[in-house]
Amino acid sequence: MTAPAPLSVRAAALWSSVKNGVNARLKAAASRQKSLVLRESLSLGERRYVAIVECDGRRYLVGGGRDSVQLIADFDPRSVEGRP
């Protein structure tokens, strides 16, 4: 019968396994790009807002209220880069 490995060896093996699993998950998450990003939002009070939303490289200005969301404008982000 073989003696069990010392606790430090088992702990090191467990840590290595956990570290490899976490690294794999981080790499997988980094490779996935978000297709929908909230770039900016502004509250207008009384549950109303406007927001710039980016989806697949395009930006949209949307407005919303208590019961609805409305597309205000669809614009190309390259046409507004560098503007104040």
C-alpha atoms as a PDB file:
ATOM      1  CA  MET A   1       0.000   0.000   0.000  1.00  0.00           C
ATOM      2  CA  THR A   2       1.321   3.406  -0.956  1.00  0.00           C
ATOM      3  CA  ALA A   3       1.352   6.298   1.480  1.00  0.00           C
ATOM      4  CA  PRO A   4      -0.811   9.240   0.450  1.00  0.00           C
ATOM      5  CA  ALA A   5       0.979  12.247  -0.996  1.00  0.00           C
ATOM      6  CA  PRO A   6       1.819  14.969   1.496  1.00  0.00           C
ATOM      7  CA  LEU A   7      -0.762  17.714   1.925  1.00  0.00           C
ATOM      8  CA  SER A   8       1.453  20.317   0.258  1.00  0.00           C
ATOM      9  CA  VAL A   9       1.766  18.181  -2.897  1.00  0.00           C
ATOM     10  CA  ARG A  10      -1.993  17.635  -3.055  1.00  0.00           C
ATOM     11  CA  ALA A  11      -2.630  21.351  -2.443  1.00  0.00           C
ATOM     12  CA  ALA A  12      -0.178  22.297  -5.214  1.00  0.00           C
ATOM     13  CA  ALA A  13      -1.874  19.890  -7.633  1.00  0.00           C
ATOM     14  CA  LEU A  14      -5.302  21.300  -6.733  1.00  0.00           C
ATOM     15  CA  TRP A  15      -4.077  24.885  -7.144  1.00  0.00           C
ATOM     16  CA  SER A  16      -2.579  24.072 -10.545  1.00  0.00           C
ATOM     17  CA  SER A  17      -5.832  22.495 -11.679  1.00  0.00           C
ATOM     18  CA  VAL A  18      -7.911  25.471 -10.504  1.00  0.00           C
ATOM     19  CA  LYS A  19      -5.496  27.980 -12.049  1.00  0.00           C
ATOM     20  CA  ASN A  20      -5.581  26.200 -15.412  1.00  0.00           C
ATOM     21  CA  GLY A  21      -9.378  26.125 -15.366  1.00  0.00           C
ATOM     22  CA  VAL A  22      -9.636  29.832 -14.529  1.00  0.00           C
ATOM     23  CA  ASN A  23      -7.097  30.742 -17.226  1.00  0.00           C
ATOM     24  CA  ALA A  24      -9.059  28.755 -19.814  1.00  0.00           C
ATOM     25  CA  ARG A  25     -12.288  30.521 -18.840  1.00  0.00           C
ATOM     26  CA  LEU A  26     -10.646  33.956 -18.975  1.00  0.00           C
ATOM     27  CA  LYS A  27      -9.222  33.250 -22.428  1.00  0.00           C
ATOM     28  CA  ALA A  28     -12.618  32.064 -23.675  1.00  0.00           C
ATOM     29  CA  ALA A  29     -14.345  35.148 -22.271  1.00  0.00           C
ATOM     30  CA  ALA A  30     -11.750  37.455 -23.820  1.00  0.00           C
ATOM     31  CA  SER A  31     -12.231  35.864 -27.226  1.00  0.00           C
ATOM     32  CA  ARG A  32     -15.968  36.570 -27.172  1.00  0.00           C
ATOM     33  CA  GLN A  33     -16.781  40.142 -28.082  1.00  0.00           C
ATOM     34  CA  LYS A  34     -19.927  41.815 -26.892  1.00  0.00           C
ATOM     35  CA  SER A  35     -22.227  42.687 -29.762  1.00  0.00           C
ATOM     36  CA  LEU A  36     -24.318  45.169 -27.751  1.00  0.00           C
ATOM     37  CA  VAL A  37     -22.677  47.950 -25.715  1.00  0.00           C
ATOM     38  CA  LEU A  38     -24.267  50.889 -23.895  1.00  0.00           C
ATOM     39  CA  ARG A  39     -21.910  53.754 -24.736  1.00  0.00           C
ATOM     40  CA  GLU A  40     -23.640  56.551 -22.824  1.00  0.00           C
ATOM     41  CA  SER A  41     -26.986  57.379 -21.292  1.00  0.00           C
ATOM     42  CA  LEU A  42     -28.595  60.529 -19.964  1.00  0.00           C
ATOM     43  CA  SER A  43     -31.574  60.719 -17.660  1.00  0.00           C
ATOM     44  CA  LEU A  44     -34.160  63.302 -18.619  1.00  0.00           C
ATOM     45  CA  GLY A  45     -36.147  62.924 -15.411  1.00  0.00           C
ATOM     46  CA  GLU A  46     -39.539  61.337 -14.802  1.00  0.00           C
ATOM     47  CA  ARG A  47     -38.267  57.925 -16.051  1.00  0.00           C
ATOM     48  CA  ARG A  48     -37.209  59.296 -19.448  1.00  0.00           C
ATOM     49  CA  TYR A  49     -33.758  58.878 -20.982  1.00  0.00           C
ATOM     50  CA  VAL A  50     -31.682  59.009 -24.132  1.00  0.00           C
ATOM     51  CA  ALA A  51     -28.840  56.583 -24.785  1.00  0.00           C
ATOM     52  CA  ILE A  52     -26.207  55.765 -27.349  1.00  0.00           C
ATOM     53  CA  VAL A  53     -26.115  52.021 -27.977  1.00  0.00           C
ATOM     54  CA  GLU A  54     -23.567  50.264 -30.179  1.00  0.00           C
ATOM     55  CA  CYS A  55     -24.403  47.016 -31.930  1.00  0.00           C
ATOM     56  CA  ASP A  56     -22.106  45.293 -34.437  1.00  0.00           C
ATOM     57  CA  GLY A  57     -20.090  48.479 -34.973  1.00  0.00           C
ATOM     58  CA  ARG A  58     -23.093  50.735 -35.578  1.00  0.00           C
ATOM     59  CA  ARG A  59     -24.334  53.311 -33.102  1.00  0.00           C
ATOM     60  CA  TYR A  60     -27.929  54.163 -32.368  1.00  0.00           C
ATOM     61  CA  LEU A  61     -29.456  57.027 -30.437  1.00  0.00           C
ATOM     62  CA  VAL A  62     -32.496  55.730 -28.585  1.00  0.00           C
ATOM     63  CA  GLY A  63     -34.947  57.394 -26.276  1.00  0.00           C
ATOM     64  CA  GLY A  64     -37.203  55.782 -23.784  1.00  0.00           C
ATOM     65  CA  GLY A  65     -39.841  56.429 -21.220  1.00  0.00           C
ATOM     66  CA  ARG A  66     -41.920  54.526 -18.769  1.00  0.00           C
ATOM     67  CA  ASP A  67     -43.617  52.309 -21.370  1.00  0.00           C
ATOM     68  CA  SER A  68     -41.620  52.568 -24.592  1.00  0.00           C
ATOM     69  CA  VAL A  69     -38.264  52.758 -26.369  1.00  0.00           C
ATOM     70  CA  GLN A  70     -37.857  54.639 -29.660  1.00  0.00           C
ATOM     71  CA  LEU A  71     -35.045  54.766 -32.198  1.00  0.00           C
ATOM     72  CA  ILE A  72     -34.151  58.435 -32.688  1.00  0.00           C
ATOM     73  CA  ALA A  73     -31.146  58.124 -35.013  1.00  0.00           C
ATOM     74  CA  ASP A  74     -28.896  55.524 -36.610  1.00  0.00           C
ATOM     75  CA  PHE A  75     -25.381  56.815 -37.237  1.00  0.00           C
ATOM     76  CA  ASP A  76     -21.951  55.624 -38.272  1.00  0.00           C
ATOM     77  CA  PRO A  77     -19.460  55.984 -35.377  1.00  0.00           C
ATOM     78  CA  ARG A  78     -16.654  56.975 -37.750  1.00  0.00           C
ATOM     79  CA  SER A  79     -18.595  60.093 -38.762  1.00  0.00           C
ATOM     80  CA  VAL A  80     -18.696  61.431 -35.185  1.00  0.00           C
ATOM     81  CA  GLU A  81     -15.264  60.411 -33.836  1.00  0.00           C
ATOM     82  CA  GLY A  82     -13.271  63.386 -32.682  1.00  0.00           C
ATOM     83  CA  ARG A  83     -16.259  65.691 -32.361  1.00  0.00           C
ATOM     84  CA  PRO A  84     -16.692  67.449 -29.018  1.00  0.00           C
END
